[in-house]
Amino acid sequence: MSRLLFTQKGNRILAVTAWIVLALLAGMVWLFDLRLTGSLWQCPFRRYMGLDCIGCGSTRALDALLRFQPVEAFRYNPFFCLGLVAGGLWLLCFTRNAFSKKYRPPFSHMPPVWSLYVIGGLLLLFMLIRNLTFYQQWFYV
C-alpha cells in the first residue's frame, strides 16, 4: 500500500483509478435515473430517529448536478455540494502533482488534529441546523 501512497507511479495509478470510479458512479446515477425508480434505500437514521442525517439528499443532489441543476442540488444537501467542489479541486491538484515533473509526495504528513475536530464540528452543526423548522421551510419549498 505504501508504494501507491508514496511513489509517483503509485499516485498516478491512484489518480486514474479515482477518476474512473467517479465516472462510473456518475454514469450509474445518471443512467438509472434514481428519482423515478424508487429503488433508493431509506436512510436508517431518518427511519428510526425521524431526522435528516448529514448525508440525506446526497444522491438526489448528485442526480440534480448531473442534470445541470445546481440550485436544486444545493437545496437537497448543501454540505455535499460544497464537499464535492472541495474534493474535486483536491483530486485535480492530486492528479496534476502525480503527472508533473516536480513530484512531491502528497501523503507525507497528516493534517493537524484540530482541523479534523473543526470538520467534525461543522458536520454536526450542519446536521443540527438542517433539522430545524426554518431550514426546512427555506430549503424544502
N, C-alpha and C. Protein backbone atom coordinates (compact mmCIF):
# COMPACT_ATOMS: atom_id res chain seq x y z
N MET A 1 0.82 -1.19 0.00
CA MET A 1 0.00 0.00 0.00
C MET A 1 0.86 1.26 0.00
N SER A 2 2.02 1.20 0.66
CA SER A 2 2.85 2.39 0.73
C SER A 2 3.42 2.76 -0.65
N ARG A 3 3.55 1.78 -1.54
CA ARG A 3 4.02 2.10 -2.89
C ARG A 3 3.01 2.98 -3.63
N LEU A 4 1.72 2.74 -3.39
CA LEU A 4 0.70 3.56 -4.03
C LEU A 4 0.67 4.96 -3.44
N LEU A 5 0.90 5.09 -2.16
CA LEU A 5 0.78 6.38 -1.50
C LEU A 5 2.01 7.26 -1.64
N PHE A 6 3.20 6.67 -1.68
CA PHE A 6 4.42 7.46 -1.58
C PHE A 6 5.29 7.48 -2.83
N THR A 7 4.86 6.86 -3.91
CA THR A 7 5.64 6.91 -5.13
C THR A 7 4.84 7.62 -6.22
N GLN A 8 5.54 8.18 -7.18
CA GLN A 8 4.86 8.89 -8.25
C GLN A 8 4.05 7.93 -9.12
N LYS A 9 4.59 6.77 -9.40
CA LYS A 9 3.86 5.79 -10.20
C LYS A 9 2.60 5.33 -9.47
N GLY A 10 2.70 5.11 -8.17
CA GLY A 10 1.54 4.73 -7.38
C GLY A 10 0.48 5.81 -7.34
N ASN A 11 0.93 7.07 -7.22
CA ASN A 11 -0.02 8.19 -7.23
C ASN A 11 -0.70 8.33 -8.58
N ARG A 12 0.01 8.02 -9.65
CA ARG A 12 -0.63 8.05 -10.97
C ARG A 12 -1.72 6.99 -11.06
N ILE A 13 -1.42 5.81 -10.54
CA ILE A 13 -2.42 4.73 -10.53
C ILE A 13 -3.63 5.14 -9.70
N LEU A 14 -3.39 5.72 -8.52
CA LEU A 14 -4.49 6.16 -7.66
C LEU A 14 -5.33 7.24 -8.33
N ALA A 15 -4.69 8.20 -9.00
CA ALA A 15 -5.41 9.29 -9.64
C ALA A 15 -6.29 8.77 -10.78
N VAL A 16 -5.74 7.93 -11.63
CA VAL A 16 -6.52 7.38 -12.74
C VAL A 16 -7.66 6.52 -12.22
N THR A 17 -7.41 5.72 -11.19
CA THR A 17 -8.46 4.88 -10.60
C THR A 17 -9.57 5.74 -10.00
N ALA A 18 -9.21 6.81 -9.33
CA ALA A 18 -10.22 7.69 -8.73
C ALA A 18 -11.10 8.32 -9.80
N TRP A 19 -10.51 8.78 -10.89
CA TRP A 19 -11.31 9.38 -11.98
C TRP A 19 -12.23 8.35 -12.62
N ILE A 20 -11.75 7.11 -12.78
CA ILE A 20 -12.58 6.05 -13.37
C ILE A 20 -13.75 5.72 -12.45
N VAL A 21 -13.49 5.60 -11.15
CA VAL A 21 -14.56 5.29 -10.19
C VAL A 21 -15.59 6.41 -10.15
N LEU A 22 -15.14 7.66 -10.16
CA LEU A 22 -16.07 8.78 -10.17
C LEU A 22 -16.92 8.80 -11.44
N ALA A 23 -16.29 8.51 -12.57
CA ALA A 23 -17.05 8.47 -13.83
C ALA A 23 -18.08 7.35 -13.82
N LEU A 24 -17.71 6.19 -13.29
CA LEU A 24 -18.67 5.07 -13.21
C LEU A 24 -19.82 5.38 -12.27
N LEU A 25 -19.52 5.99 -11.14
CA LEU A 25 -20.56 6.36 -10.19
C LEU A 25 -21.52 7.38 -10.80
N ALA A 26 -20.97 8.41 -11.41
CA ALA A 26 -21.81 9.42 -12.05
C ALA A 26 -22.63 8.81 -13.18
N GLY A 27 -22.03 7.92 -13.93
CA GLY A 27 -22.75 7.25 -15.01
C GLY A 27 -23.90 6.40 -14.50
N MET A 28 -23.69 5.71 -13.37
CA MET A 28 -24.77 4.90 -12.80
C MET A 28 -25.92 5.77 -12.33
N VAL A 29 -25.61 6.86 -11.64
CA VAL A 29 -26.67 7.75 -11.15
C VAL A 29 -27.42 8.37 -12.31
N TRP A 30 -26.68 8.78 -13.34
CA TRP A 30 -27.33 9.41 -14.49
C TRP A 30 -28.11 8.40 -15.33
N LEU A 31 -27.56 7.22 -15.53
CA LEU A 31 -28.18 6.22 -16.39
C LEU A 31 -29.45 5.63 -15.80
N PHE A 32 -29.43 5.33 -14.52
CA PHE A 32 -30.57 4.66 -13.90
C PHE A 32 -31.66 5.61 -13.42
N ASP A 33 -31.44 6.91 -13.49
CA ASP A 33 -32.44 7.91 -13.14
C ASP A 33 -33.14 7.53 -11.84
N LEU A 34 -32.40 7.60 -10.77
CA LEU A 34 -32.85 7.08 -9.48
C LEU A 34 -34.08 7.78 -8.92
N ARG A 35 -34.40 8.96 -9.44
CA ARG A 35 -35.60 9.65 -8.95
C ARG A 35 -36.86 8.88 -9.32
N LEU A 36 -36.86 8.23 -10.48
CA LEU A 36 -38.06 7.58 -10.97
C LEU A 36 -38.17 6.12 -10.56
N THR A 37 -37.05 5.47 -10.27
CA THR A 37 -37.10 4.04 -9.98
C THR A 37 -37.63 3.76 -8.59
N GLY A 38 -37.39 4.65 -7.65
CA GLY A 38 -37.83 4.41 -6.27
C GLY A 38 -37.03 3.31 -5.60
N SER A 39 -35.87 2.99 -6.17
CA SER A 39 -35.08 1.89 -5.62
C SER A 39 -34.02 2.34 -4.64
N LEU A 40 -34.04 3.61 -4.26
CA LEU A 40 -33.08 4.08 -3.28
C LEU A 40 -33.41 3.52 -1.91
N TRP A 41 -32.39 3.17 -1.17
CA TRP A 41 -32.60 2.68 0.18
C TRP A 41 -32.99 3.84 1.07
N GLN A 42 -33.64 3.51 2.15
CA GLN A 42 -34.06 4.54 3.08
C GLN A 42 -32.99 4.69 4.15
N CYS A 43 -32.69 5.93 4.49
CA CYS A 43 -31.66 6.22 5.48
C CYS A 43 -32.09 5.65 6.83
N PRO A 44 -31.27 4.79 7.45
CA PRO A 44 -31.65 4.22 8.75
C PRO A 44 -31.79 5.28 9.84
N PHE A 45 -30.94 6.31 9.80
CA PHE A 45 -31.03 7.37 10.80
C PHE A 45 -32.36 8.09 10.69
N ARG A 46 -32.76 8.40 9.48
CA ARG A 46 -34.04 9.09 9.28
C ARG A 46 -35.21 8.17 9.59
N ARG A 47 -35.06 6.91 9.28
CA ARG A 47 -36.15 5.95 9.51
C ARG A 47 -36.44 5.78 10.99
N TYR A 48 -35.39 5.66 11.80
CA TYR A 48 -35.59 5.37 13.22
C TYR A 48 -35.65 6.62 14.10
N MET A 49 -34.93 7.69 13.71
CA MET A 49 -34.90 8.90 14.53
C MET A 49 -35.86 9.97 14.02
N GLY A 50 -36.25 9.89 12.75
CA GLY A 50 -37.13 10.90 12.17
C GLY A 50 -36.44 12.20 11.83
N LEU A 51 -35.11 12.19 11.79
CA LEU A 51 -34.32 13.39 11.48
C LEU A 51 -33.44 13.13 10.27
N ASP A 52 -33.09 14.21 9.56
CA ASP A 52 -32.16 14.09 8.44
C ASP A 52 -30.75 13.98 8.97
N CYS A 53 -29.99 13.06 8.40
CA CYS A 53 -28.58 12.92 8.79
C CYS A 53 -27.73 13.82 7.89
N ILE A 54 -26.43 13.74 8.03
CA ILE A 54 -25.51 14.57 7.26
C ILE A 54 -25.60 14.23 5.78
N GLY A 55 -25.79 12.97 5.45
CA GLY A 55 -25.76 12.54 4.06
C GLY A 55 -27.11 12.49 3.37
N CYS A 56 -28.20 12.75 4.08
CA CYS A 56 -29.52 12.68 3.46
C CYS A 56 -29.61 13.67 2.31
N GLY A 57 -30.02 13.21 1.17
CA GLY A 57 -30.16 14.05 -0.02
C GLY A 57 -28.94 14.08 -0.91
N SER A 58 -27.88 13.37 -0.55
CA SER A 58 -26.65 13.42 -1.35
C SER A 58 -26.83 12.78 -2.72
N THR A 59 -27.52 11.66 -2.79
CA THR A 59 -27.73 11.01 -4.09
C THR A 59 -28.63 11.86 -4.98
N ARG A 60 -29.67 12.45 -4.38
CA ARG A 60 -30.53 13.34 -5.16
C ARG A 60 -29.77 14.58 -5.61
N ALA A 61 -28.87 15.08 -4.75
CA ALA A 61 -28.05 16.24 -5.13
C ALA A 61 -27.12 15.88 -6.28
N LEU A 62 -26.51 14.71 -6.24
CA LEU A 62 -25.65 14.28 -7.33
C LEU A 62 -26.44 14.13 -8.62
N ASP A 63 -27.64 13.59 -8.53
CA ASP A 63 -28.50 13.44 -9.69
C ASP A 63 -28.87 14.81 -10.26
N ALA A 64 -29.17 15.76 -9.40
CA ALA A 64 -29.50 17.12 -9.87
C ALA A 64 -28.29 17.79 -10.51
N LEU A 65 -27.10 17.58 -9.96
CA LEU A 65 -25.91 18.14 -10.56
C LEU A 65 -25.65 17.55 -11.95
N LEU A 66 -25.91 16.27 -12.09
CA LEU A 66 -25.72 15.64 -13.40
C LEU A 66 -26.75 16.10 -14.42
N ARG A 67 -27.88 16.62 -13.95
CA ARG A 67 -28.89 17.20 -14.85
C ARG A 67 -28.71 18.71 -14.98
N PHE A 68 -27.56 19.23 -14.52
CA PHE A 68 -27.20 20.65 -14.60
C PHE A 68 -28.21 21.54 -13.89
N GLN A 69 -28.60 21.15 -12.68
CA GLN A 69 -29.48 21.94 -11.84
C GLN A 69 -28.81 22.17 -10.48
N PRO A 70 -27.83 23.08 -10.43
CA PRO A 70 -27.06 23.26 -9.19
C PRO A 70 -27.87 23.83 -8.03
N VAL A 71 -28.87 24.65 -8.31
CA VAL A 71 -29.68 25.22 -7.22
C VAL A 71 -30.48 24.12 -6.53
N GLU A 72 -31.07 23.24 -7.33
CA GLU A 72 -31.82 22.12 -6.76
C GLU A 72 -30.88 21.19 -5.98
N ALA A 73 -29.70 20.96 -6.50
CA ALA A 73 -28.72 20.12 -5.81
C ALA A 73 -28.33 20.74 -4.47
N PHE A 74 -28.14 22.06 -4.46
CA PHE A 74 -27.78 22.73 -3.22
C PHE A 74 -28.91 22.65 -2.20
N ARG A 75 -30.13 22.65 -2.67
CA ARG A 75 -31.26 22.52 -1.74
C ARG A 75 -31.33 21.11 -1.14
N TYR A 76 -30.98 20.11 -1.91
CA TYR A 76 -31.01 18.75 -1.37
C TYR A 76 -29.98 18.55 -0.27
N ASN A 77 -28.74 18.98 -0.51
CA ASN A 77 -27.70 18.82 0.50
C ASN A 77 -26.57 19.81 0.21
N PRO A 78 -26.59 21.00 0.85
CA PRO A 78 -25.55 21.99 0.57
C PRO A 78 -24.15 21.55 0.99
N PHE A 79 -24.05 20.82 2.09
CA PHE A 79 -22.73 20.40 2.54
C PHE A 79 -22.10 19.43 1.56
N PHE A 80 -22.92 18.56 0.96
CA PHE A 80 -22.43 17.62 -0.05
C PHE A 80 -21.91 18.38 -1.27
N CYS A 81 -22.65 19.39 -1.70
CA CYS A 81 -22.23 20.16 -2.88
C CYS A 81 -20.91 20.87 -2.63
N LEU A 82 -20.77 21.48 -1.46
CA LEU A 82 -19.51 22.15 -1.13
C LEU A 82 -18.37 21.15 -0.99
N GLY A 83 -18.67 20.00 -0.38
CA GLY A 83 -17.66 18.96 -0.26
C GLY A 83 -17.25 18.36 -1.60
N LEU A 84 -18.21 18.29 -2.51
CA LEU A 84 -17.92 17.78 -3.85
C LEU A 84 -16.98 18.74 -4.59
N VAL A 85 -17.22 20.03 -4.45
CA VAL A 85 -16.33 21.01 -5.07
C VAL A 85 -14.94 20.92 -4.46
N ALA A 86 -14.86 20.87 -3.14
CA ALA A 86 -13.56 20.79 -2.47
C ALA A 86 -12.83 19.49 -2.83
N GLY A 87 -13.57 18.38 -2.85
CA GLY A 87 -12.95 17.11 -3.23
C GLY A 87 -12.51 17.09 -4.68
N GLY A 88 -13.29 17.70 -5.56
CA GLY A 88 -12.90 17.77 -6.96
C GLY A 88 -11.65 18.59 -7.17
N LEU A 89 -11.56 19.73 -6.45
CA LEU A 89 -10.34 20.55 -6.54
C LEU A 89 -9.14 19.79 -6.00
N TRP A 90 -9.33 19.08 -4.90
CA TRP A 90 -8.23 18.30 -4.34
C TRP A 90 -7.79 17.22 -5.33
N LEU A 91 -8.75 16.53 -5.96
CA LEU A 91 -8.41 15.48 -6.91
C LEU A 91 -7.70 16.05 -8.13
N LEU A 92 -8.11 17.24 -8.58
CA LEU A 92 -7.40 17.88 -9.69
C LEU A 92 -5.95 18.19 -9.32
N CYS A 93 -5.74 18.73 -8.12
CA CYS A 93 -4.37 19.04 -7.66
C CYS A 93 -3.56 17.76 -7.48
N PHE A 94 -4.18 16.72 -6.95
CA PHE A 94 -3.51 15.44 -6.76
C PHE A 94 -3.09 14.86 -8.10
N THR A 95 -3.98 14.91 -9.09
CA THR A 95 -3.67 14.37 -10.41
C THR A 95 -2.57 15.18 -11.08
N ARG A 96 -2.65 16.51 -10.97
CA ARG A 96 -1.61 17.36 -11.56
C ARG A 96 -0.26 17.07 -10.93
N ASN A 97 -0.22 16.89 -9.62
CA ASN A 97 1.03 16.58 -8.94
C ASN A 97 1.56 15.22 -9.36
N ALA A 98 0.67 14.23 -9.51
CA ALA A 98 1.10 12.87 -9.85
C ALA A 98 1.71 12.81 -11.24
N PHE A 99 1.27 13.67 -12.14
CA PHE A 99 1.78 13.63 -13.51
C PHE A 99 2.76 14.75 -13.81
N SER A 100 3.19 15.51 -12.81
CA SER A 100 4.13 16.61 -13.05
C SER A 100 5.56 16.11 -12.93
N LYS A 101 6.48 16.92 -13.44
CA LYS A 101 7.90 16.58 -13.35
C LYS A 101 8.47 16.93 -11.98
N LYS A 102 7.84 17.89 -11.30
CA LYS A 102 8.26 18.27 -9.95
C LYS A 102 7.36 17.59 -8.92
N TYR A 103 7.48 16.30 -8.83
CA TYR A 103 6.60 15.49 -7.96
C TYR A 103 6.98 15.67 -6.50
N ARG A 104 5.95 15.82 -5.65
CA ARG A 104 6.12 15.83 -4.20
C ARG A 104 5.14 14.83 -3.61
N PRO A 105 5.56 13.96 -2.72
CA PRO A 105 4.62 13.00 -2.13
C PRO A 105 3.53 13.72 -1.33
N PRO A 106 2.25 13.54 -1.70
CA PRO A 106 1.17 14.27 -1.04
C PRO A 106 0.79 13.72 0.33
N PHE A 107 1.11 12.48 0.60
CA PHE A 107 0.69 11.86 1.86
C PHE A 107 1.84 11.76 2.86
N SER A 108 2.80 12.66 2.75
CA SER A 108 3.96 12.58 3.63
C SER A 108 3.70 13.12 5.03
N HIS A 109 2.62 13.87 5.22
CA HIS A 109 2.28 14.37 6.55
C HIS A 109 0.77 14.36 6.73
N MET A 110 0.36 14.26 7.96
CA MET A 110 -1.06 14.24 8.30
C MET A 110 -1.51 15.66 8.64
N PRO A 111 -2.80 15.96 8.41
CA PRO A 111 -3.30 17.28 8.80
C PRO A 111 -3.32 17.39 10.32
N PRO A 112 -3.32 18.61 10.85
CA PRO A 112 -3.37 18.77 12.30
C PRO A 112 -4.67 18.20 12.87
N VAL A 113 -4.60 17.69 14.06
CA VAL A 113 -5.76 17.06 14.70
C VAL A 113 -6.90 18.05 14.86
N TRP A 114 -6.59 19.30 15.15
CA TRP A 114 -7.65 20.29 15.36
C TRP A 114 -8.48 20.49 14.10
N SER A 115 -7.87 20.33 12.92
CA SER A 115 -8.65 20.51 11.69
C SER A 115 -9.70 19.42 11.53
N LEU A 116 -9.39 18.22 11.98
CA LEU A 116 -10.38 17.13 11.94
C LEU A 116 -11.53 17.41 12.91
N TYR A 117 -11.21 17.98 14.06
CA TYR A 117 -12.26 18.36 15.02
C TYR A 117 -13.15 19.47 14.45
N VAL A 118 -12.55 20.41 13.75
CA VAL A 118 -13.33 21.50 13.15
C VAL A 118 -14.28 20.95 12.09
N ILE A 119 -13.79 20.06 11.23
CA ILE A 119 -14.64 19.47 10.19
C ILE A 119 -15.76 18.65 10.83
N GLY A 120 -15.44 17.86 11.83
CA GLY A 120 -16.47 17.09 12.53
C GLY A 120 -17.50 17.98 13.19
N GLY A 121 -17.05 19.07 13.81
CA GLY A 121 -17.98 20.01 14.43
C GLY A 121 -18.88 20.67 13.41
N LEU A 122 -18.32 21.04 12.26
CA LEU A 122 -19.14 21.63 11.20
C LEU A 122 -20.18 20.65 10.67
N LEU A 123 -19.81 19.41 10.55
CA LEU A 123 -20.78 18.39 10.11
C LEU A 123 -21.91 18.22 11.11
N LEU A 124 -21.58 18.18 12.40
CA LEU A 124 -22.62 18.06 13.42
C LEU A 124 -23.50 19.30 13.48
N LEU A 125 -22.89 20.48 13.32
CA LEU A 125 -23.66 21.72 13.30
C LEU A 125 -24.61 21.74 12.10
N PHE A 126 -24.12 21.28 10.95
CA PHE A 126 -24.97 21.20 9.77
C PHE A 126 -26.15 20.26 10.01
N MET A 127 -25.90 19.11 10.63
CA MET A 127 -26.98 18.17 10.90
C MET A 127 -28.00 18.77 11.86
N LEU A 128 -27.54 19.52 12.85
CA LEU A 128 -28.45 20.16 13.79
C LEU A 128 -29.29 21.22 13.08
N ILE A 129 -28.65 22.07 12.29
CA ILE A 129 -29.36 23.16 11.62
C ILE A 129 -30.34 22.65 10.59
N ARG A 130 -29.98 21.60 9.86
CA ARG A 130 -30.87 21.12 8.80
C ARG A 130 -32.15 20.48 9.34
N ASN A 131 -32.19 20.20 10.62
CA ASN A 131 -33.40 19.63 11.21
C ASN A 131 -34.25 20.68 11.93
N LEU A 132 -33.85 21.93 11.88
CA LEU A 132 -34.66 23.00 12.46
C LEU A 132 -35.77 23.40 11.49
N THR A 133 -36.84 23.97 12.02
CA THR A 133 -38.01 24.30 11.22
C THR A 133 -37.71 25.33 10.14
N PHE A 134 -36.95 26.38 10.49
CA PHE A 134 -36.71 27.43 9.49
C PHE A 134 -35.91 26.91 8.30
N TYR A 135 -34.99 25.98 8.55
CA TYR A 135 -34.20 25.41 7.45
C TYR A 135 -35.10 24.61 6.52
N GLN A 136 -35.99 23.82 7.09
CA GLN A 136 -36.87 23.00 6.26
C GLN A 136 -37.85 23.87 5.48
N GLN A 137 -38.28 24.99 6.05
CA GLN A 137 -39.17 25.88 5.32
C GLN A 137 -38.42 26.60 4.21
N TRP A 138 -37.16 26.91 4.43
CA TRP A 138 -36.38 27.65 3.45
C TRP A 138 -35.94 26.76 2.29
N PHE A 139 -35.45 25.55 2.60
CA PHE A 139 -34.87 24.69 1.58
C PHE A 139 -35.85 23.71 0.95
N TYR A 140 -36.92 23.36 1.65
CA TYR A 140 -37.83 22.36 1.12
C TYR A 140 -39.13 22.98 0.61
N VAL A 141 -39.02 24.14 -0.01
CA VAL A 141 -40.19 24.82 -0.54
C VAL A 141 -40.67 24.16 -1.81
